[in-house]
């Protein structure tokens, strides 16, 4: 394969995992999402990623809520809504951002590039933790697998 690591990937606004992607009135791009560490002892999070107009990560605001069994769903919803409201006027639309990785709470977060394991494989970029959005070439399509 002639696959290559992306410098920028597109994420189209949709009604599923990319429901809250777009631009703030100041031009920053954003992605508001709910990553998770799977399993009974896993963890649930609310994450707001802010990017500059060129797609570079500016800031990651990540809140931890414990395991799915123990978390306060109302608190998660309140935080999610507060993060969205804190952006001010927004437009929900396609964004184009660079892959990134950061660590918080001992967990790796981000749009993480995964190199092919062999020559027949391709590059992937996955939303972590939880691997709930997976992007592949063409990087500008804006589409993802779940």
Protein backbone atom coordinates (compact mmCIF):
# COMPACT_ATOMS: atom_id res chain seq x y z
CA UNK A 1 0.00 0.00 0.00
CA UNK A 2 1.04 3.59 -0.51
CA UNK A 3 -0.58 4.92 2.62
CA UNK A 4 0.90 7.82 4.58
CA UNK A 5 0.45 9.43 7.97
CA UNK A 6 -1.86 12.43 7.83
CA UNK A 7 -0.86 15.96 8.71
CA UNK A 8 -4.53 17.03 8.82
CA UNK A 9 -7.74 15.02 8.92
CA UNK A 10 -11.24 16.25 8.23
CA UNK A 11 -14.16 15.46 10.52
CA UNK A 12 -17.62 16.10 9.10
CA UNK A 13 -20.36 17.27 11.43
CA UNK A 14 -22.98 14.53 11.88
CA UNK A 15 -25.66 13.39 14.33
CA UNK A 16 -23.52 10.71 15.97
CA UNK A 17 -19.98 10.99 17.41
CA UNK A 18 -19.31 14.25 15.55
CA UNK A 19 -22.49 15.99 16.67
CA UNK A 20 -20.57 18.78 18.39
CA UNK A 21 -17.75 19.70 16.03
CA UNK A 22 -17.38 23.09 14.43
CA UNK A 23 -16.08 26.57 14.92
CA UNK A 24 -16.37 29.14 17.68
CA UNK A 25 -17.03 32.76 16.74
CA UNK A 26 -13.31 33.55 17.23
CA UNK A 27 -12.35 31.03 14.51
CA UNK A 28 -11.13 28.25 16.79
CA UNK A 29 -12.18 24.77 15.76
CA UNK A 30 -13.58 22.46 18.43
CA UNK A 31 -14.50 18.85 19.08
CA UNK A 32 -16.66 18.06 22.12
CA UNK A 33 -16.87 14.35 22.83
CA UNK A 34 -17.20 11.63 25.46
CA UNK A 35 -14.18 9.30 25.40
CA UNK A 36 -14.12 6.22 27.59
CA UNK A 37 -11.86 3.47 28.83
CA UNK A 38 -13.85 0.30 28.12
CA UNK A 39 -14.60 -2.40 30.62
CA UNK A 40 -16.12 -2.76 34.06
CA UNK A 41 -13.25 -0.88 35.68
CA UNK A 42 -13.12 1.65 32.83
CA UNK A 43 -13.60 5.36 33.00
CA UNK A 44 -15.92 7.89 31.38
CA UNK A 45 -14.87 11.40 30.37
CA UNK A 46 -16.07 14.63 28.79
CA UNK A 47 -13.43 16.13 26.51
CA UNK A 48 -13.38 19.47 24.73
CA UNK A 49 -10.52 19.82 22.27
CA UNK A 50 -9.79 23.28 20.92
CA UNK A 51 -7.75 23.85 17.77
CA UNK A 52 -6.47 26.94 16.01
CA UNK A 53 -7.71 27.84 12.53
CA UNK A 54 -4.92 25.74 10.96
CA UNK A 55 -5.89 22.67 13.02
CA UNK A 56 -3.18 22.59 15.69
CA UNK A 57 -4.33 21.59 19.18
CA UNK A 58 -4.50 24.60 21.49
CA UNK A 59 -6.10 23.11 24.57
CA UNK A 60 -7.73 19.96 25.92
CA UNK A 61 -10.29 20.31 28.71
CA UNK A 62 -10.95 16.80 30.03
CA UNK A 63 -13.19 15.88 32.95
CA UNK A 64 -13.20 12.42 34.57
CA UNK A 65 -16.38 10.77 35.86
CA UNK A 66 -15.36 7.27 36.95
CA UNK A 67 -16.71 3.96 35.73
CA UNK A 68 -19.93 3.73 33.76
CA UNK A 69 -21.52 1.78 36.62
CA UNK A 70 -20.65 4.42 39.24
CA UNK A 71 -20.78 7.71 37.33
CA UNK A 72 -23.39 10.39 37.89
CA UNK A 73 -25.04 10.68 34.47
CA UNK A 74 -26.63 14.02 35.34
CA UNK A 75 -23.20 15.43 36.27
CA UNK A 76 -21.78 14.23 32.95
CA UNK A 77 -24.64 15.86 31.06
CA UNK A 78 -24.22 19.12 33.00
CA UNK A 79 -20.48 19.24 32.29
CA UNK A 80 -21.00 18.43 28.62
CA UNK A 81 -23.59 21.20 28.29
CA UNK A 82 -21.38 23.65 30.25
CA UNK A 83 -18.40 22.95 27.97
CA UNK A 84 -20.58 23.55 24.92
CA UNK A 85 -22.11 26.73 26.38
CA UNK A 86 -18.64 27.99 27.33
CA UNK A 87 -17.74 28.19 23.65
CA UNK A 88 -20.29 30.96 23.08
CA UNK A 89 -21.73 31.31 19.60
CA UNK A 90 -20.72 28.32 17.49
CA UNK A 91 -21.42 26.86 14.09
CA UNK A 92 -21.58 23.10 13.76
CA UNK A 93 -19.60 22.23 10.66
CA UNK A 94 -16.73 20.23 9.22
CA UNK A 95 -13.37 20.73 10.92
CA UNK A 96 -9.85 19.98 9.72
CA UNK A 97 -7.39 19.21 12.51
CA UNK A 98 -4.00 17.61 13.10
CA UNK A 99 -3.66 14.29 14.90
CA UNK A 100 -2.49 14.69 18.50
CA UNK A 101 -1.91 12.75 21.70
CA UNK A 102 -1.89 13.88 25.30
CA UNK A 103 -2.01 12.13 28.65
CA UNK A 104 -4.44 12.93 31.46
CA UNK A 105 -5.50 10.83 34.45
CA UNK A 106 -2.91 8.22 33.38
CA UNK A 107 -4.80 7.72 30.08
CA UNK A 108 -3.76 8.59 26.53
CA UNK A 109 -6.25 10.87 24.75
CA UNK A 110 -6.38 12.22 21.24
CA UNK A 111 -6.67 11.61 17.55
CA UNK A 112 -3.82 9.16 17.49
CA UNK A 113 -2.03 8.06 14.31
CA UNK A 114 -1.42 4.34 14.09
CA UNK A 115 1.34 3.17 11.78
CA UNK A 116 0.64 0.11 9.60
CA UNK A 117 1.89 -3.16 11.07
CA UNK A 118 2.86 -4.54 7.66
CA UNK A 119 3.11 -3.35 4.07
CA UNK A 120 -0.46 -4.43 3.23
CA UNK A 121 -1.98 -2.35 6.03
CA UNK A 122 -2.81 1.35 5.97
CA UNK A 123 -2.46 4.22 8.41
CA UNK A 124 -5.37 4.88 10.75
CA UNK A 125 -6.16 7.74 13.12
CA UNK A 126 -8.35 6.74 16.05
CA UNK A 127 -10.15 8.76 18.70
CA UNK A 128 -8.82 7.54 22.03
CA UNK A 129 -9.52 6.31 24.55
CA UNK A 130 -12.32 4.06 23.35
CA UNK A 131 -11.38 3.77 19.67
CA UNK A 132 -14.87 5.02 18.80
CA UNK A 133 -13.96 7.00 15.68
CA UNK A 134 -11.45 5.62 13.16
CA UNK A 135 -10.24 7.62 10.16
CA UNK A 136 -8.35 6.37 7.12
CA UNK A 137 -7.40 7.69 3.69
CA UNK A 138 -8.52 9.77 2.01
CA UNK A 139 -7.84 12.06 4.99
CA UNK A 140 -9.96 14.85 3.57
CA UNK A 141 -13.14 12.78 3.26
CA UNK A 142 -14.37 13.70 6.75
CA UNK A 143 -15.88 10.25 7.20
CA UNK A 144 -15.01 7.77 9.96
CA UNK A 145 -15.70 4.18 10.97
CA UNK A 146 -17.06 3.21 14.37
